[in-house]
Amino acid sequence: KSLDDELDALDKSNVDDELAALKAKMN
């Protein structure tokens, strides 16, 4: 369960980064 949580967190972290980059590009 801990490994899955870490992987989920990792996936979530990548999405946040992409969202932040997209906002910066729009600005």
PDB file of all heavy atoms in Angstrom:
ATOM      1  N   LYS A   1       0.828  -1.203   0.000  1.00  0.00           N
ATOM      2  CA  LYS A   1       0.000   0.000   0.000  1.00  0.00           C
ATOM      3  C   LYS A   1       0.866   1.259   0.000  1.00  0.00           C
ATOM      4  O   LYS A   1       0.578   2.235  -0.669  1.00  0.00           O
ATOM      5  CB  LYS A   1      -0.923   0.001   1.220  1.00  0.00           C
ATOM      6  CG  LYS A   1      -2.080  -0.977   1.088  1.00  0.00           C
ATOM      7  CD  LYS A   1      -3.007  -0.860   2.273  1.00  0.00           C
ATOM      8  CE  LYS A   1      -4.195  -1.805   2.145  1.00  0.00           C
ATOM      9  NZ  LYS A   1      -5.091  -1.698   3.315  1.00  0.00           N
ATOM     10  N   SER A   2       1.993   1.248   0.723  1.00  0.00           N
ATOM     11  CA  SER A   2       2.873   2.427   0.776  1.00  0.00           C
ATOM     12  C   SER A   2       3.492   2.692  -0.589  1.00  0.00           C
ATOM     13  O   SER A   2       3.622   3.839  -1.039  1.00  0.00           O
ATOM     14  CB  SER A   2       3.971   2.219   1.819  1.00  0.00           C
ATOM     15  OG  SER A   2       3.391   2.070   3.097  1.00  0.00           O
ATOM     16  N   LEU A   3       3.885   1.678  -1.277  1.00  0.00           N
ATOM     17  CA  LEU A   3       4.476   1.827  -2.601  1.00  0.00           C
ATOM     18  C   LEU A   3       3.463   2.418  -3.576  1.00  0.00           C
ATOM     19  O   LEU A   3       3.791   3.319  -4.362  1.00  0.00           O
ATOM     20  CB  LEU A   3       4.967   0.466  -3.101  1.00  0.00           C
ATOM     21  CG  LEU A   3       5.581   0.441  -4.503  1.00  0.00           C
ATOM     22  CD1 LEU A   3       6.807   1.358  -4.566  1.00  0.00           C
ATOM     23  CD2 LEU A   3       5.963  -0.985  -4.892  1.00  0.00           C
ATOM     24  N   ASP A   4       2.243   1.938  -3.524  1.00  0.00           N
ATOM     25  CA  ASP A   4       1.194   2.477  -4.400  1.00  0.00           C
ATOM     26  C   ASP A   4       0.949   3.947  -4.085  1.00  0.00           C
ATOM     27  O   ASP A   4       0.759   4.766  -4.998  1.00  0.00           O
ATOM     28  CB  ASP A   4      -0.101   1.683  -4.225  1.00  0.00           C
ATOM     29  CG  ASP A   4       0.020   0.271  -4.801  1.00  0.00           C
ATOM     30  OD1 ASP A   4       0.899   0.057  -5.660  1.00  0.00           O
ATOM     31  OD2 ASP A   4      -0.756  -0.629  -4.368  1.00  0.00           O
ATOM     32  N   ASP A   5       0.938   4.267  -2.803  1.00  0.00           N
ATOM     33  CA  ASP A   5       0.726   5.673  -2.424  1.00  0.00           C
ATOM     34  C   ASP A   5       1.836   6.561  -2.971  1.00  0.00           C
ATOM     35  O   ASP A   5       1.595   7.683  -3.457  1.00  0.00           O
ATOM     36  CB  ASP A   5       0.650   5.802  -0.898  1.00  0.00           C
ATOM     37  CG  ASP A   5      -0.622   5.169  -0.346  1.00  0.00           C
ATOM     38  OD1 ASP A   5      -1.580   4.961  -1.133  1.00  0.00           O
ATOM     39  OD2 ASP A   5      -0.655   4.880   0.866  1.00  0.00           O
ATOM     40  N   GLU A   6       3.049   6.066  -2.890  1.00  0.00           N
ATOM     41  CA  GLU A   6       4.186   6.854  -3.396  1.00  0.00           C
ATOM     42  C   GLU A   6       4.080   7.042  -4.902  1.00  0.00           C
ATOM     43  O   GLU A   6       4.370   8.136  -5.433  1.00  0.00           O
ATOM     44  CB  GLU A   6       5.497   6.164  -3.045  1.00  0.00           C
ATOM     45  CG  GLU A   6       5.808   6.165  -1.542  1.00  0.00           C
ATOM     46  CD  GLU A   6       7.096   5.439  -1.246  1.00  0.00           C
ATOM     47  OE1 GLU A   6       7.793   5.047  -2.205  1.00  0.00           O
ATOM     48  OE2 GLU A   6       7.414   5.263  -0.052  1.00  0.00           O
ATOM     49  N   LEU A   7       3.703   5.956  -5.599  1.00  0.00           N
ATOM     50  CA  LEU A   7       3.554   6.062  -7.050  1.00  0.00           C
ATOM     51  C   LEU A   7       2.431   7.013  -7.417  1.00  0.00           C
ATOM     52  O   LEU A   7       2.548   7.813  -8.362  1.00  0.00           O
ATOM     53  CB  LEU A   7       3.301   4.677  -7.654  1.00  0.00           C
ATOM     54  CG  LEU A   7       4.487   3.697  -7.575  1.00  0.00           C
ATOM     55  CD1 LEU A   7       4.075   2.325  -8.058  1.00  0.00           C
ATOM     56  CD2 LEU A   7       5.665   4.226  -8.401  1.00  0.00           C
ATOM     57  N   ASP A   8       1.338   6.948  -6.676  1.00  0.00           N
ATOM     58  CA  ASP A   8       0.226   7.871  -6.923  1.00  0.00           C
ATOM     59  C   ASP A   8       0.669   9.316  -6.678  1.00  0.00           C
ATOM     60  O   ASP A   8       0.311  10.235  -7.433  1.00  0.00           O
ATOM     61  CB  ASP A   8      -0.961   7.522  -6.013  1.00  0.00           C
ATOM     62  CG  ASP A   8      -1.629   6.227  -6.444  1.00  0.00           C
ATOM     63  OD1 ASP A   8      -1.397   5.793  -7.589  1.00  0.00           O
ATOM     64  OD2 ASP A   8      -2.377   5.620  -5.618  1.00  0.00           O
ATOM     65  N   ALA A   9       1.439   9.469  -5.625  1.00  0.00           N
ATOM     66  CA  ALA A   9       1.918  10.830  -5.303  1.00  0.00           C
ATOM     67  C   ALA A   9       2.847  11.333  -6.404  1.00  0.00           C
ATOM     68  O   ALA A   9       2.833  12.522  -6.752  1.00  0.00           O
ATOM     69  CB  ALA A   9       2.631  10.817  -3.951  1.00  0.00           C
ATOM     70  N   LEU A  10       3.641  10.377  -6.922  1.00  0.00           N
ATOM     71  CA  LEU A  10       4.560  10.778  -7.983  1.00  0.00           C
ATOM     72  C   LEU A  10       3.795  11.208  -9.224  1.00  0.00           C
ATOM     73  O   LEU A  10       4.117  12.233  -9.852  1.00  0.00           O
ATOM     74  CB  LEU A  10       5.496   9.605  -8.308  1.00  0.00           C
ATOM     75  CG  LEU A  10       6.524   9.835  -9.414  1.00  0.00           C
ATOM     76  CD1 LEU A  10       7.446  11.008  -9.066  1.00  0.00           C
ATOM     77  CD2 LEU A  10       7.338   8.582  -9.667  1.00  0.00           C
ATOM     78  N   ASP A  11       2.803  10.456  -9.583  1.00  0.00           N
ATOM     79  CA  ASP A  11       1.981  10.818 -10.739  1.00  0.00           C
ATOM     80  C   ASP A  11       1.297  12.167 -10.513  1.00  0.00           C
ATOM     81  O   ASP A  11       1.213  13.011 -11.421  1.00  0.00           O
ATOM     82  CB  ASP A  11       0.921   9.730 -10.992  1.00  0.00           C
ATOM     83  CG  ASP A  11       1.561   8.430 -11.461  1.00  0.00           C
ATOM     84  OD1 ASP A  11       2.698   8.485 -11.949  1.00  0.00           O
ATOM     85  OD2 ASP A  11       0.906   7.354 -11.317  1.00  0.00           O
ATOM     86  N   LYS A  12       0.800  12.348  -9.303  1.00  0.00           N
ATOM     87  CA  LYS A  12       0.128  13.612  -8.983  1.00  0.00           C
ATOM     88  C   LYS A  12       1.098  14.794  -9.082  1.00  0.00           C
ATOM     89  O   LYS A  12       0.755  15.867  -9.556  1.00  0.00           O
ATOM     90  CB  LYS A  12      -0.476  13.506  -7.587  1.00  0.00           C
ATOM     91  CG  LYS A  12      -1.281  14.739  -7.178  1.00  0.00           C
ATOM     92  CD  LYS A  12      -1.891  14.555  -5.814  1.00  0.00           C
ATOM     93  CE  LYS A  12      -2.674  15.803  -5.396  1.00  0.00           C
ATOM     94  NZ  LYS A  12      -3.256  15.667  -4.051  1.00  0.00           N
ATOM     95  N   SER A  13       2.347  14.547  -8.652  1.00  0.00           N
ATOM     96  CA  SER A  13       3.361  15.619  -8.696  1.00  0.00           C
ATOM     97  C   SER A  13       3.642  16.051 -10.142  1.00  0.00           C
ATOM     98  O   SER A  13       3.775  17.234 -10.447  1.00  0.00           O
ATOM     99  CB  SER A  13       4.641  15.127  -8.028  1.00  0.00           C
ATOM    100  OG  SER A  13       5.651  16.110  -8.128  1.00  0.00           O
ATOM    101  N   ASN A  14       3.696  15.104 -11.079  1.00  0.00           N
ATOM    102  CA  ASN A  14       3.938  15.432 -12.489  1.00  0.00           C
ATOM    103  C   ASN A  14       2.812  16.270 -13.072  1.00  0.00           C
ATOM    104  O   ASN A  14       3.029  17.199 -13.868  1.00  0.00           O
ATOM    105  CB  ASN A  14       4.113  14.146 -13.296  1.00  0.00           C
ATOM    106  CG  ASN A  14       5.408  13.417 -12.918  1.00  0.00           C
ATOM    107  OD1 ASN A  14       6.347  14.067 -12.443  1.00  0.00           O
ATOM    108  ND2 ASN A  14       5.447  12.117 -13.137  1.00  0.00           N
ATOM    109  N   VAL A  15       1.597  15.977 -12.731  1.00  0.00           N
ATOM    110  CA  VAL A  15       0.443  16.732 -13.225  1.00  0.00           C
ATOM    111  C   VAL A  15       0.491  18.181 -12.720  1.00  0.00           C
ATOM    112  O   VAL A  15       0.231  19.147 -13.465  1.00  0.00           O
ATOM    113  CB  VAL A  15      -0.862  16.052 -12.783  1.00  0.00           C
ATOM    114  CG1 VAL A  15      -2.064  16.940 -13.101  1.00  0.00           C
ATOM    115  CG2 VAL A  15      -1.009  14.697 -13.487  1.00  0.00           C
ATOM    116  N   ASP A  16       0.839  18.338 -11.502  1.00  0.00           N
ATOM    117  CA  ASP A  16       0.927  19.692 -10.926  1.00  0.00           C
ATOM    118  C   ASP A  16       1.993  20.520 -11.650  1.00  0.00           C
ATOM    119  O   ASP A  16       1.801  21.728 -11.923  1.00  0.00           O
ATOM    120  CB  ASP A  16       1.248  19.622  -9.428  1.00  0.00           C
ATOM    121  CG  ASP A  16       0.062  19.068  -8.627  1.00  0.00           C
ATOM    122  OD1 ASP A  16      -1.091  19.104  -9.149  1.00  0.00           O
ATOM    123  OD2 ASP A  16       0.281  18.606  -7.473  1.00  0.00           O
ATOM    124  N   ASP A  17       3.090  19.843 -11.953  1.00  0.00           N
ATOM    125  CA  ASP A  17       4.163  20.561 -12.648  1.00  0.00           C
ATOM    126  C   ASP A  17       3.704  21.000 -14.046  1.00  0.00           C
ATOM    127  O   ASP A  17       3.993  22.136 -14.501  1.00  0.00           O
ATOM    128  CB  ASP A  17       5.410  19.671 -12.771  1.00  0.00           C
ATOM    129  CG  ASP A  17       6.062  19.436 -11.410  1.00  0.00           C
ATOM    130  OD1 ASP A  17       5.751  20.214 -10.465  1.00  0.00           O
ATOM    131  OD2 ASP A  17       6.857  18.456 -11.272  1.00  0.00           O
ATOM    132  N   GLU A  18       2.989  20.034 -14.700  1.00  0.00           N
ATOM    133  CA  GLU A  18       2.514  20.386 -16.042  1.00  0.00           C
ATOM    134  C   GLU A  18       1.496  21.519 -15.998  1.00  0.00           C
ATOM    135  O   GLU A  18       1.484  22.427 -16.891  1.00  0.00           O
ATOM    136  CB  GLU A  18       1.884  19.147 -16.706  1.00  0.00           C
ATOM    137  CG  GLU A  18       2.907  18.075 -17.070  1.00  0.00           C
ATOM    138  CD  GLU A  18       2.248  16.888 -17.748  1.00  0.00           C
ATOM    139  OE1 GLU A  18       1.020  16.950 -17.997  1.00  0.00           O
ATOM    140  OE2 GLU A  18       2.945  15.885 -18.023  1.00  0.00           O
ATOM    141  N   LEU A  19       0.643  21.495 -14.984  1.00  0.00           N
ATOM    142  CA  LEU A  19      -0.353  22.563 -14.836  1.00  0.00           C
ATOM    143  C   LEU A  19       0.327  23.920 -14.594  1.00  0.00           C
ATOM    144  O   LEU A  19      -0.060  24.964 -15.181  1.00  0.00           O
ATOM    145  CB  LEU A  19      -1.305  22.220 -13.667  1.00  0.00           C
ATOM    146  CG  LEU A  19      -2.430  23.227 -13.399  1.00  0.00           C
ATOM    147  CD1 LEU A  19      -3.334  23.377 -14.627  1.00  0.00           C
ATOM    148  CD2 LEU A  19      -3.249  22.811 -12.180  1.00  0.00           C
ATOM    149  N   ALA A  20       1.330  23.914 -13.776  1.00  0.00           N
ATOM    150  CA  ALA A  20       2.047  25.168 -13.485  1.00  0.00           C
ATOM    151  C   ALA A  20       2.746  25.700 -14.754  1.00  0.00           C
ATOM    152  O   ALA A  20       2.750  26.912 -15.035  1.00  0.00           O
ATOM    153  CB  ALA A  20       3.065  24.914 -12.373  1.00  0.00           C
ATOM    154  N   ALA A  21       3.293  24.790 -15.535  1.00  0.00           N
ATOM    155  CA  ALA A  21       3.977  25.219 -16.771  1.00  0.00           C
ATOM    156  C   ALA A  21       2.994  25.774 -17.775  1.00  0.00           C
ATOM    157  O   ALA A  21       3.272  26.769 -18.486  1.00  0.00           O
ATOM    158  CB  ALA A  21       4.721  24.015 -17.358  1.00  0.00           C
ATOM    159  N   LEU A  22       1.794  25.119 -17.830  1.00  0.00           N
ATOM    160  CA  LEU A  22       0.771  25.599 -18.754  1.00  0.00           C
ATOM    161  C   LEU A  22       0.294  27.003 -18.365  1.00  0.00           C
ATOM    162  O   LEU A  22       0.087  27.875 -19.231  1.00  0.00           O
ATOM    163  CB  LEU A  22      -0.415  24.603 -18.754  1.00  0.00           C
ATOM    164  CG  LEU A  22      -1.546  24.927 -19.726  1.00  0.00           C
ATOM    165  CD1 LEU A  22      -1.027  24.997 -21.175  1.00  0.00           C
ATOM    166  CD2 LEU A  22      -2.668  23.901 -19.611  1.00  0.00           C
ATOM    167  N   LYS A  23       0.100  27.261 -17.095  1.00  0.00           N
ATOM    168  CA  LYS A  23      -0.312  28.591 -16.617  1.00  0.00           C
ATOM    169  C   LYS A  23       0.771  29.648 -16.966  1.00  0.00           C
ATOM    170  O   LYS A  23       0.434  30.764 -17.384  1.00  0.00           O
ATOM    171  CB  LYS A  23      -0.533  28.560 -15.109  1.00  0.00           C
ATOM    172  CG  LYS A  23      -1.809  27.847 -14.680  1.00  0.00           C
ATOM    173  CD  LYS A  23      -1.964  27.901 -13.153  1.00  0.00           C
ATOM    174  CE  LYS A  23      -3.251  27.237 -12.691  1.00  0.00           C
ATOM    175  NZ  LYS A  23      -3.385  27.302 -11.239  1.00  0.00           N
ATOM    176  N   ALA A  24       2.019  29.256 -16.785  1.00  0.00           N
ATOM    177  CA  ALA A  24       3.092  30.207 -17.082  1.00  0.00           C
ATOM    178  C   ALA A  24       3.136  30.534 -18.561  1.00  0.00           C
ATOM    179  O   ALA A  24       3.348  31.713 -18.991  1.00  0.00           O
ATOM    180  CB  ALA A  24       4.429  29.602 -16.644  1.00  0.00           C
ATOM    181  N   LYS A  25       2.880  29.539 -19.373  1.00  0.00           N
ATOM    182  CA  LYS A  25       2.864  29.779 -20.795  1.00  0.00           C
ATOM    183  C   LYS A  25       1.742  30.693 -21.227  1.00  0.00           C
ATOM    184  O   LYS A  25       1.903  31.590 -22.070  1.00  0.00           O
ATOM    185  CB  LYS A  25       2.741  28.425 -21.508  1.00  0.00           C
ATOM    186  CG  LYS A  25       2.776  28.504 -23.025  1.00  0.00           C
ATOM    187  CD  LYS A  25       2.696  27.108 -23.621  1.00  0.00           C
ATOM    188  CE  LYS A  25       2.766  27.173 -25.144  1.00  0.00           C
ATOM    189  NZ  LYS A  25       2.685  25.830 -25.738  1.00  0.00           N
ATOM    190  N   MET A  26       0.538  30.518 -20.589  1.00  0.00           N
ATOM    191  CA  MET A  26      -0.595  31.357 -20.900  1.00  0.00           C
ATOM    192  C   MET A  26      -0.348  32.803 -20.473  1.00  0.00           C
ATOM    193  O   MET A  26      -0.679  33.744 -21.180  1.00  0.00           O
ATOM    194  CB  MET A  26      -1.887  30.810 -20.216  1.00  0.00           C
ATOM    195  CG  MET A  26      -2.363  29.471 -20.804  1.00  0.00           C
ATOM    196  SD  MET A  26      -3.792  28.787 -19.929  1.00  0.00           S
ATOM    197  CE  MET A  26      -4.999  30.093 -20.249  1.00  0.00           C
ATOM    198  N   ASN A  27       0.241  32.967 -19.341  1.00  0.00           N
ATOM    199  CA  ASN A  27       0.538  34.326 -18.853  1.00  0.00           C
ATOM    200  C   ASN A  27       1.547  35.025 -19.769  1.00  0.00           C
ATOM    201  O   ASN A  27       1.462  36.220 -20.023  1.00  0.00           O
ATOM    202  CB  ASN A  27       1.087  34.250 -17.418  1.00  0.00           C
ATOM    203  CG  ASN A  27      -0.007  33.833 -16.418  1.00  0.00           C
ATOM    204  OD1 ASN A  27      -1.199  34.097 -16.672  1.00  0.00           O
ATOM    205  ND2 ASN A  27       0.378  33.225 -15.326  1.00  0.00           N
TER     206      ASN A  27
END
